[in-house]
Amino acid sequence: MVITALQHVRQCYSYADGKALYDVFAPRLLAGDDVTISFDGVSSLPSSFVNAALVPLLEHVSLDFIKKHLRFANTNSQMNDMIRSRLAVEAGRMGAHA
């Protein structure tokens, strides 16, 4: 299943934007579906967005699960680095499987 971020939020900037996107894709991912989030039209992701959109997943599943079942499309190196670093830091802090 592919979810295009900008079809669900006006921008990928704030904590509220991230929470809104989380509410769209997380139930599907946590139910066992493989999910791809497309960031088509987005040029960067701030940590506040990633903190709300992705980090809460670690309260329910391991980082390994996220790596296996959640993909990202139409990203750039800044976005990839932000996603990777925020998930890794929080997984380590929470004791999740890194």
PDB file of N, CA and C in Angstrom:
ATOM      1  N   MET A   1       0.834  -1.167   0.000  1.00  0.00           N
ATOM      2  CA  MET A   1       0.000   0.000   0.000  1.00  0.00           C
ATOM      3  C   MET A   1       0.886   1.240   0.000  1.00  0.00           C
ATOM      4  N   VAL A   2       0.592   2.169  -0.905  1.00  0.00           N
ATOM      5  CA  VAL A   2       1.348   3.419  -0.990  1.00  0.00           C
ATOM      6  C   VAL A   2       0.467   4.555  -0.485  1.00  0.00           C
ATOM      7  N   ILE A   3       1.012   5.324   0.425  1.00  0.00           N
ATOM      8  CA  ILE A   3       0.329   6.500   0.963  1.00  0.00           C
ATOM      9  C   ILE A   3       1.173   7.716   0.600  1.00  0.00           C
ATOM     10  N   THR A   4       0.580   8.640  -0.134  1.00  0.00           N
ATOM     11  CA  THR A   4       1.279   9.867  -0.505  1.00  0.00           C
ATOM     12  C   THR A   4       1.001  10.907   0.573  1.00  0.00           C
ATOM     13  N   ALA A   5       2.053  11.332   1.233  1.00  0.00           N
ATOM     14  CA  ALA A   5       1.928  12.217   2.397  1.00  0.00           C
ATOM     15  C   ALA A   5       1.089  13.458   2.098  1.00  0.00           C
ATOM     16  N   LEU A   6       1.366  14.130   0.992  1.00  0.00           N
ATOM     17  CA  LEU A   6       0.687  15.389   0.712  1.00  0.00           C
ATOM     18  C   LEU A   6      -0.765  15.219   0.287  1.00  0.00           C
ATOM     19  N   GLN A   7      -1.241  13.995   0.189  1.00  0.00           N
ATOM     20  CA  GLN A   7      -2.669  13.782  -0.016  1.00  0.00           C
ATOM     21  C   GLN A   7      -3.416  13.788   1.320  1.00  0.00           C
ATOM     22  N   HIS A   8      -2.657  13.735   2.415  1.00  0.00           N
ATOM     23  CA  HIS A   8      -3.265  13.665   3.741  1.00  0.00           C
ATOM     24  C   HIS A   8      -2.927  14.854   4.629  1.00  0.00           C
ATOM     25  N   VAL A   9      -1.848  15.534   4.331  1.00  0.00           N
ATOM     26  CA  VAL A   9      -1.458  16.744   5.065  1.00  0.00           C
ATOM     27  C   VAL A   9      -1.046  17.808   4.061  1.00  0.00           C
ATOM     28  N   ARG A  10      -1.237  19.070   4.423  1.00  0.00           N
ATOM     29  CA  ARG A  10      -0.872  20.167   3.512  1.00  0.00           C
ATOM     30  C   ARG A  10       0.634  20.289   3.342  1.00  0.00           C
ATOM     31  N   GLN A  11       1.352  19.959   4.412  1.00  0.00           N
ATOM     32  CA  GLN A  11       2.808  20.061   4.405  1.00  0.00           C
ATOM     33  C   GLN A  11       3.362  19.042   5.385  1.00  0.00           C
ATOM     34  N   CYS A  12       4.619  18.740   5.268  1.00  0.00           N
ATOM     35  CA  CYS A  12       5.294  17.818   6.191  1.00  0.00           C
ATOM     36  C   CYS A  12       6.275  18.630   7.012  1.00  0.00           C
ATOM     37  N   TYR A  13       5.736  19.440   7.908  1.00  0.00           N
ATOM     38  CA  TYR A  13       6.571  20.397   8.611  1.00  0.00           C
ATOM     39  C   TYR A  13       6.454  20.320  10.130  1.00  0.00           C
ATOM     40  N   SER A  14       5.234  20.288  10.627  1.00  0.00           N
ATOM     41  CA  SER A  14       5.043  20.412  12.072  1.00  0.00           C
ATOM     42  C   SER A  14       4.767  19.067  12.741  1.00  0.00           C
ATOM     43  N   TYR A  15       4.766  19.109  14.065  1.00  0.00           N
ATOM     44  CA  TYR A  15       4.404  17.930  14.846  1.00  0.00           C
ATOM     45  C   TYR A  15       2.974  17.514  14.501  1.00  0.00           C
ATOM     46  N   ALA A  16       2.075  18.499  14.362  1.00  0.00           N
ATOM     47  CA  ALA A  16       0.673  18.204  14.022  1.00  0.00           C
ATOM     48  C   ALA A  16       0.567  17.526  12.656  1.00  0.00           C
ATOM     49  N   ASP A  17       1.365  17.964  11.694  1.00  0.00           N
ATOM     50  CA  ASP A  17       1.380  17.324  10.376  1.00  0.00           C
ATOM     51  C   ASP A  17       1.816  15.867  10.508  1.00  0.00           C
ATOM     52  N   GLY A  18       2.853  15.638  11.278  1.00  0.00           N
ATOM     53  CA  GLY A  18       3.355  14.278  11.473  1.00  0.00           C
ATOM     54  C   GLY A  18       2.343  13.392  12.154  1.00  0.00           C
ATOM     55  N   LYS A  19       1.659  13.922  13.158  1.00  0.00           N
ATOM     56  CA  LYS A  19       0.630  13.157  13.868  1.00  0.00           C
ATOM     57  C   LYS A  19      -0.514  12.797  12.917  1.00  0.00           C
ATOM     58  N   ALA A  20      -0.911  13.731  12.071  1.00  0.00           N
ATOM     59  CA  ALA A  20      -1.995  13.471  11.119  1.00  0.00           C
ATOM     60  C   ALA A  20      -1.601  12.350  10.156  1.00  0.00           C
ATOM     61  N   LEU A  21      -0.355  12.363   9.695  1.00  0.00           N
ATOM     62  CA  LEU A  21       0.101  11.304   8.794  1.00  0.00           C
ATOM     63  C   LEU A  21       0.189   9.968   9.539  1.00  0.00           C
ATOM     64  N   TYR A  22       0.690   9.989  10.754  1.00  0.00           N
ATOM     65  CA  TYR A  22       0.755   8.775  11.577  1.00  0.00           C
ATOM     66  C   TYR A  22      -0.632   8.141  11.696  1.00  0.00           C
ATOM     67  N   ASP A  23      -1.637   8.965  11.949  1.00  0.00           N
ATOM     68  CA  ASP A  23      -2.999   8.462  12.115  1.00  0.00           C
ATOM     69  C   ASP A  23      -3.524   7.783  10.852  1.00  0.00           C
ATOM     70  N   VAL A  24      -2.987   8.146   9.696  1.00  0.00           N
ATOM     71  CA  VAL A  24      -3.408   7.540   8.428  1.00  0.00           C
ATOM     72  C   VAL A  24      -2.731   6.186   8.213  1.00  0.00           C
ATOM     73  N   PHE A  25      -1.407   6.137   8.372  1.00  0.00           N
ATOM     74  CA  PHE A  25      -0.700   4.917   7.974  1.00  0.00           C
ATOM     75  C   PHE A  25      -0.450   3.918   9.107  1.00  0.00           C
ATOM     76  N   ALA A  26      -0.312   4.378  10.330  1.00  0.00           N
ATOM     77  CA  ALA A  26       0.073   3.485  11.430  1.00  0.00           C
ATOM     78  C   ALA A  26      -0.916   2.338  11.657  1.00  0.00           C
ATOM     79  N   PRO A  27      -2.228   2.582  11.650  1.00  0.00           N
ATOM     80  CA  PRO A  27      -3.137   1.449  11.865  1.00  0.00           C
ATOM     81  C   PRO A  27      -2.947   0.337  10.828  1.00  0.00           C
ATOM     82  N   ARG A  28      -2.672   0.701   9.604  1.00  0.00           N
ATOM     83  CA  ARG A  28      -2.456  -0.297   8.555  1.00  0.00           C
ATOM     84  C   ARG A  28      -1.156  -1.054   8.783  1.00  0.00           C
ATOM     85  N   LEU A  29      -0.097  -0.313   9.117  1.00  0.00           N
ATOM     86  CA  LEU A  29       1.193  -0.948   9.373  1.00  0.00           C
ATOM     87  C   LEU A  29       1.102  -1.877  10.581  1.00  0.00           C
ATOM     88  N   LEU A  30       0.497  -1.399  11.647  1.00  0.00           N
ATOM     89  CA  LEU A  30       0.401  -2.186  12.874  1.00  0.00           C
ATOM     90  C   LEU A  30      -0.528  -3.386  12.721  1.00  0.00           C
ATOM     91  N   ALA A  31      -1.397  -3.344  11.702  1.00  0.00           N
ATOM     92  CA  ALA A  31      -2.266  -4.486  11.408  1.00  0.00           C
ATOM     93  C   ALA A  31      -1.550  -5.528  10.554  1.00  0.00           C
ATOM     94  N   GLY A  32      -0.313  -5.203  10.148  1.00  0.00           N
ATOM     95  CA  GLY A  32       0.484  -6.175   9.401  1.00  0.00           C
ATOM     96  C   GLY A  32       0.662  -5.879   7.926  1.00  0.00           C
ATOM     97  N   ASP A  33       0.090  -4.783   7.440  1.00  0.00           N
ATOM     98  CA  ASP A  33       0.273  -4.416   6.032  1.00  0.00           C
ATOM     99  C   ASP A  33       1.649  -3.804   5.818  1.00  0.00           C
ATOM    100  N   ASP A  34       2.247  -4.076   4.664  1.00  0.00           N
ATOM    101  CA  ASP A  34       3.446  -3.348   4.257  1.00  0.00           C
ATOM    102  C   ASP A  34       2.990  -1.994   3.725  1.00  0.00           C
ATOM    103  N   VAL A  35       3.670  -0.940   4.148  1.00  0.00           N
ATOM    104  CA  VAL A  35       3.274   0.416   3.782  1.00  0.00           C
ATOM    105  C   VAL A  35       4.474   1.142   3.174  1.00  0.00           C
ATOM    106  N   THR A  36       4.218   1.870   2.101  1.00  0.00           N
ATOM    107  CA  THR A  36       5.201   2.784   1.534  1.00  0.00           C
ATOM    108  C   THR A  36       4.634   4.187   1.654  1.00  0.00           C
ATOM    109  N   ILE A  37       5.412   5.092   2.238  1.00  0.00           N
ATOM    110  CA  ILE A  37       5.023   6.492   2.314  1.00  0.00           C
ATOM    111  C   ILE A  37       5.791   7.238   1.238  1.00  0.00           C
ATOM    112  N   SER A  38       5.048   7.880   0.353  1.00  0.00           N
ATOM    113  CA  SER A  38       5.654   8.685  -0.700  1.00  0.00           C
ATOM    114  C   SER A  38       5.707  10.139  -0.241  1.00  0.00           C
ATOM    115  N   PHE A  39       6.885  10.722  -0.339  1.00  0.00           N
ATOM    116  CA  PHE A  39       7.066  12.123  -0.005  1.00  0.00           C
ATOM    117  C   PHE A  39       7.187  12.962  -1.275  1.00  0.00           C
ATOM    118  N   ASP A  40       6.469  12.574  -2.305  1.00  0.00           N
ATOM    119  CA  ASP A  40       6.455  13.308  -3.562  1.00  0.00           C
ATOM    120  C   ASP A  40       6.029  14.751  -3.295  1.00  0.00           C
ATOM    121  N   GLY A  41       6.841  15.718  -3.740  1.00  0.00           N
ATOM    122  CA  GLY A  41       6.544  17.126  -3.543  1.00  0.00           C
ATOM    123  C   GLY A  41       7.074  17.710  -2.246  1.00  0.00           C
ATOM    124  N   VAL A  42       7.752  16.901  -1.440  1.00  0.00           N
ATOM    125  CA  VAL A  42       8.313  17.357  -0.161  1.00  0.00           C
ATOM    126  C   VAL A  42       9.825  17.457  -0.331  1.00  0.00           C
ATOM    127  N   SER A  43      10.410  18.567   0.135  1.00  0.00           N
ATOM    128  CA  SER A  43      11.853  18.749  -0.065  1.00  0.00           C
ATOM    129  C   SER A  43      12.686  18.456   1.176  1.00  0.00           C
ATOM    130  N   SER A  44      12.074  18.513   2.365  1.00  0.00           N
ATOM    131  CA  SER A  44      12.819  18.211   3.593  1.00  0.00           C
ATOM    132  C   SER A  44      11.844  17.845   4.705  1.00  0.00           C
ATOM    133  N   LEU A  45      12.374  17.187   5.727  1.00  0.00           N
ATOM    134  CA  LEU A  45      11.575  16.778   6.882  1.00  0.00           C
ATOM    135  C   LEU A  45      12.249  17.259   8.160  1.00  0.00           C
ATOM    136  N   PRO A  46      11.596  18.112   8.938  1.00  0.00           N
ATOM    137  CA  PRO A  46      12.164  18.512  10.218  1.00  0.00           C
ATOM    138  C   PRO A  46      11.959  17.424  11.269  1.00  0.00           C
ATOM    139  N   SER A  47      12.756  17.471  12.311  1.00  0.00           N
ATOM    140  CA  SER A  47      12.663  16.454  13.351  1.00  0.00           C
ATOM    141  C   SER A  47      11.293  16.441  14.018  1.00  0.00           C
ATOM    142  N   SER A  48      10.641  17.587  14.156  1.00  0.00           N
ATOM    143  CA  SER A  48       9.324  17.614  14.804  1.00  0.00           C
ATOM    144  C   SER A  48       8.317  16.771  14.030  1.00  0.00           C
ATOM    145  N   PHE A  49       8.377  16.815  12.715  1.00  0.00           N
ATOM    146  CA  PHE A  49       7.485  16.002  11.887  1.00  0.00           C
ATOM    147  C   PHE A  49       7.799  14.519  12.074  1.00  0.00           C
ATOM    148  N   VAL A  50       9.066  14.162  11.977  1.00  0.00           N
ATOM    149  CA  VAL A  50       9.469  12.757  12.110  1.00  0.00           C
ATOM    150  C   VAL A  50       9.155  12.241  13.511  1.00  0.00           C
ATOM    151  N   ASN A  51       9.347  13.083  14.525  1.00  0.00           N
ATOM    152  CA  ASN A  51       9.045  12.676  15.898  1.00  0.00           C
ATOM    153  C   ASN A  51       7.584  12.275  16.065  1.00  0.00           C
ATOM    154  N   ALA A  52       6.685  12.933  15.366  1.00  0.00           N
ATOM    155  CA  ALA A  52       5.254  12.613  15.484  1.00  0.00           C
ATOM    156  C   ALA A  52       4.823  11.534  14.507  1.00  0.00           C
ATOM    157  N   ALA A  53       5.410  11.528  13.314  1.00  0.00           N
ATOM    158  CA  ALA A  53       4.962  10.595  12.276  1.00  0.00           C
ATOM    159  C   ALA A  53       5.525   9.198  12.437  1.00  0.00           C
ATOM    160  N   LEU A  54       6.742   9.071  12.944  1.00  0.00           N
ATOM    161  CA  LEU A  54       7.410   7.770  12.930  1.00  0.00           C
ATOM    162  C   LEU A  54       7.828   7.249  14.303  1.00  0.00           C
ATOM    163  N   VAL A  55       8.359   8.098  15.150  1.00  0.00           N
ATOM    164  CA  VAL A  55       8.894   7.645  16.431  1.00  0.00           C
ATOM    165  C   VAL A  55       7.849   6.909  17.287  1.00  0.00           C
ATOM    166  N   PRO A  56       6.579   7.327  17.300  1.00  0.00           N
ATOM    167  CA  PRO A  56       5.594   6.590  18.119  1.00  0.00           C
ATOM    168  C   PRO A  56       5.421   5.115  17.725  1.00  0.00           C
ATOM    169  N   LEU A  57       5.817   4.756  16.529  1.00  0.00           N
ATOM    170  CA  LEU A  57       5.750   3.343  16.132  1.00  0.00           C
ATOM    171  C   LEU A  57       6.563   2.467  17.071  1.00  0.00           C
ATOM    172  N   LEU A  58       7.659   3.021  17.601  1.00  0.00           N
ATOM    173  CA  LEU A  58       8.550   2.253  18.470  1.00  0.00           C
ATOM    174  C   LEU A  58       7.897   1.862  19.796  1.00  0.00           C
ATOM    175  N   GLU A  59       6.763   2.467  20.116  1.00  0.00           N
ATOM    176  CA  GLU A  59       6.026   2.076  21.309  1.00  0.00           C
ATOM    177  C   GLU A  59       5.270   0.765  21.075  1.00  0.00           C
ATOM    178  N   HIS A  60       5.140   0.373  19.803  1.00  0.00           N
ATOM    179  CA  HIS A  60       4.335  -0.797  19.444  1.00  0.00           C
ATOM    180  C   HIS A  60       5.123  -1.914  18.778  1.00  0.00           C
ATOM    181  N   VAL A  61       6.148  -1.549  18.013  1.00  0.00           N
ATOM    182  CA  VAL A  61       6.919  -2.535  17.252  1.00  0.00           C
ATOM    183  C   VAL A  61       8.404  -2.194  17.315  1.00  0.00           C
ATOM    184  N   SER A  62       9.217  -3.162  16.960  1.00  0.00           N
ATOM    185  CA  SER A  62      10.669  -2.965  16.972  1.00  0.00           C
ATOM    186  C   SER A  62      11.131  -2.195  15.741  1.00  0.00           C
ATOM    187  N   LEU A  63      12.338  -1.679  15.827  1.00  0.00           N
ATOM    188  CA  LEU A  63      12.942  -1.018  14.680  1.00  0.00           C
ATOM    189  C   LEU A  63      13.100  -2.011  13.534  1.00  0.00           C
ATOM    190  N   ASP A  64      13.412  -3.262  13.845  1.00  0.00           N
ATOM    191  CA  ASP A  64      13.514  -4.290  12.803  1.00  0.00           C
ATOM    192  C   ASP A  64      12.192  -4.455  12.060  1.00  0.00           C
ATOM    193  N   PHE A  65      11.087  -4.458  12.785  1.00  0.00           N
ATOM    194  CA  PHE A  65       9.765  -4.560  12.152  1.00  0.00           C
ATOM    195  C   PHE A  65       9.534  -3.379  11.215  1.00  0.00           C
ATOM    196  N   ILE A  66       9.865  -2.182  11.689  1.00  0.00           N
ATOM    197  CA  ILE A  66       9.690  -0.978  10.869  1.00  0.00           C
ATOM    198  C   ILE A  66      10.517  -1.095   9.593  1.00  0.00           C
ATOM    199  N   LYS A  67      11.769  -1.530   9.728  1.00  0.00           N
ATOM    200  CA  LYS A  67      12.641  -1.661   8.563  1.00  0.00           C
ATOM    201  C   LYS A  67      12.101  -2.664   7.547  1.00  0.00           C
ATOM    202  N   LYS A  68      11.432  -3.690   8.019  1.00  0.00           N
ATOM    203  CA  LYS A  68      10.907  -4.727   7.125  1.00  0.00           C
ATOM    204  C   LYS A  68       9.594  -4.343   6.462  1.00  0.00           C
ATOM    205  N   HIS A  69       8.789  -3.531   7.133  1.00  0.00           N
ATOM    206  CA  HIS A  69       7.427  -3.310   6.661  1.00  0.00           C
ATOM    207  C   HIS A  69       7.090  -1.879   6.246  1.00  0.00           C
ATOM    208  N   LEU A  70       7.991  -0.936   6.488  1.00  0.00           N
ATOM    209  CA  LEU A  70       7.734   0.459   6.130  1.00  0.00           C
ATOM    210  C   LEU A  70       8.813   0.937   5.170  1.00  0.00           C
ATOM    211  N   ARG A  71       8.384   1.442   4.043  1.00  0.00           N
ATOM    212  CA  ARG A  71       9.301   1.954   3.019  1.00  0.00           C
ATOM    213  C   ARG A  71       8.981   3.421   2.754  1.00  0.00           C
ATOM    214  N   PHE A  72       9.949   4.096   2.159  1.00  0.00           N
ATOM    215  CA  PHE A  72       9.786   5.502   1.817  1.00  0.00           C
ATOM    216  C   PHE A  72      10.142   5.695   0.360  1.00  0.00           C
ATOM    217  N   ALA A  73       9.355   6.497  -0.342  1.00  0.00           N
ATOM    218  CA  ALA A  73       9.589   6.790  -1.753  1.00  0.00           C
ATOM    219  C   ALA A  73       9.676   8.303  -1.934  1.00  0.00           C
ATOM    220  N   ASN A  74      10.366   8.701  -2.996  1.00  0.00           N
ATOM    221  CA  ASN A  74      10.504  10.119  -3.344  1.00  0.00           C
ATOM    222  C   ASN A  74      11.116  10.923  -2.210  1.00  0.00           C
ATOM    223  N   THR A  75      12.237  10.413  -1.709  1.00  0.00           N
ATOM    224  CA  THR A  75      12.965  11.096  -0.648  1.00  0.00           C
ATOM    225  C   THR A  75      14.311  11.576  -1.173  1.00  0.00           C
ATOM    226  N   ASN A  76      14.986  12.366  -0.369  1.00  0.00           N
ATOM    227  CA  ASN A  76      16.349  12.791  -0.687  1.00  0.00           C
ATOM    228  C   ASN A  76      17.242  12.447   0.507  1.00  0.00           C
ATOM    229  N   SER A  77      18.505  12.762   0.415  1.00  0.00           N
ATOM    230  CA  SER A  77      19.436  12.352   1.468  1.00  0.00           C
ATOM    231  C   SER A  77      19.113  13.004   2.810  1.00  0.00           C
ATOM    232  N   GLN A  78      18.667  14.260   2.835  1.00  0.00           N
ATOM    233  CA  GLN A  78      18.305  14.911   4.101  1.00  0.00           C
ATOM    234  C   GLN A  78      17.164  14.162   4.761  1.00  0.00           C
ATOM    235  N   MET A  79      16.159  13.815   3.976  1.00  0.00           N
ATOM    236  CA  MET A  79      14.988  13.118   4.510  1.00  0.00           C
ATOM    237  C   MET A  79      15.375  11.736   5.023  1.00  0.00           C
ATOM    238  N   ASN A  80      16.153  11.015   4.242  1.00  0.00           N
ATOM    239  CA  ASN A  80      16.602   9.682   4.654  1.00  0.00           C
ATOM    240  C   ASN A  80      17.419   9.743   5.934  1.00  0.00           C
ATOM    241  N   ASP A  81      18.337  10.699   6.003  1.00  0.00           N
ATOM    242  CA  ASP A  81      19.174  10.850   7.199  1.00  0.00           C
ATOM    243  C   ASP A  81      18.334  11.198   8.422  1.00  0.00           C
ATOM    244  N   MET A  82      17.349  12.075   8.257  1.00  0.00           N
ATOM    245  CA  MET A  82      16.497  12.478   9.378  1.00  0.00           C
ATOM    246  C   MET A  82      15.692  11.284   9.885  1.00  0.00           C
ATOM    247  N   ILE A  83      15.093  10.543   8.974  1.00  0.00           N
ATOM    248  CA  ILE A  83      14.301   9.375   9.361  1.00  0.00           C
ATOM    249  C   ILE A  83      15.185   8.350  10.062  1.00  0.00           C
ATOM    250  N   ARG A  84      16.296   8.029   9.447  1.00  0.00           N
ATOM    251  CA  ARG A  84      17.202   7.014   9.991  1.00  0.00           C
ATOM    252  C   ARG A  84      17.712   7.415  11.376  1.00  0.00           C
ATOM    253  N   SER A  85      18.173   8.655  11.505  1.00  0.00           N
ATOM    254  CA  SER A  85      18.776   9.070  12.776  1.00  0.00           C
ATOM    255  C   SER A  85      17.743   9.169  13.888  1.00  0.00           C
ATOM    256  N   ARG A  86      16.571   9.728  13.623  1.00  0.00           N
ATOM    257  CA  ARG A  86      15.558   9.850  14.682  1.00  0.00           C
ATOM    258  C   ARG A  86      15.089   8.480  15.153  1.00  0.00           C
ATOM    259  N   LEU A  87      14.871   7.548  14.231  1.00  0.00           N
ATOM    260  CA  LEU A  87      14.436   6.210  14.631  1.00  0.00           C
ATOM    261  C   LEU A  87      15.536   5.477  15.392  1.00  0.00           C
ATOM    262  N   ALA A  88      16.772   5.587  14.934  1.00  0.00           N
ATOM    263  CA  ALA A  88      17.874   4.890  15.600  1.00  0.00           C
ATOM    264  C   ALA A  88      18.093   5.434  17.008  1.00  0.00           C
ATOM    265  N   VAL A  89      18.104   6.744  17.158  1.00  0.00           N
ATOM    266  CA  VAL A  89      18.323   7.350  18.472  1.00  0.00           C
ATOM    267  C   VAL A  89      17.204   6.950  19.427  1.00  0.00           C
ATOM    268  N   GLU A  90      15.969   7.051  18.985  1.00  0.00           N
ATOM    269  CA  GLU A  90      14.843   6.735  19.868  1.00  0.00           C
ATOM    270  C   GLU A  90      14.756   5.240  20.163  1.00  0.00           C
ATOM    271  N   ALA A  91      15.075   4.407  19.184  1.00  0.00           N
ATOM    272  CA  ALA A  91      15.076   2.963  19.423  1.00  0.00           C
ATOM    273  C   ALA A  91      16.111   2.625  20.490  1.00  0.00           C
ATOM    274  N   GLY A  92      17.275   3.242  20.402  1.00  0.00           N
ATOM    275  CA  GLY A  92      18.306   3.011  21.405  1.00  0.00           C
ATOM    276  C   GLY A  92      17.889   3.514  22.774  1.00  0.00           C
ATOM    277  N   ARG A  93      17.281   4.668  22.798  1.00  0.00           N
ATOM    278  CA  ARG A  93      16.834   5.262  24.058  1.00  0.00           C
ATOM    279  C   ARG A  93      15.730   4.426  24.701  1.00  0.00           C
ATOM    280  N   MET A  94      14.849   3.880  23.888  1.00  0.00           N
ATOM    281  CA  MET A  94      13.719   3.101  24.397  1.00  0.00           C
ATOM    282  C   MET A  94      14.073   1.635  24.617  1.00  0.00           C
ATOM    283  N   GLY A  95      15.264   1.250  24.169  1.00  0.00           N
ATOM    284  CA  GLY A  95      15.659  -0.151  24.313  1.00  0.00           C
ATOM    285  C   GLY A  95      15.058  -1.040  23.257  1.00  0.00           C
ATOM    286  N   ALA A  96      14.569  -0.422  22.152  1.00  0.00           N
ATOM    287  CA  ALA A  96      14.021  -1.214  21.052  1.00  0.00           C
ATOM    288  C   ALA A  96      15.161  -1.861  20.291  1.00  0.00           C
ATOM    289  N   HIS A  97      14.836  -2.808  19.440  1.00  0.00           N
ATOM    290  CA  HIS A  97      15.849  -3.520  18.649  1.00  0.00           C
ATOM    291  C   HIS A  97      16.365  -2.619  17.539  1.00  0.00           C
ATOM    292  N   ALA A  98      17.631  -2.264  17.614  1.00  0.00           N
ATOM    293  CA  ALA A  98      18.216  -1.374  16.614  1.00  0.00           C
ATOM    294  C   ALA A  98      18.696  -2.106  15.392  1.00  0.00           C
TER     295      ALA A  98
END
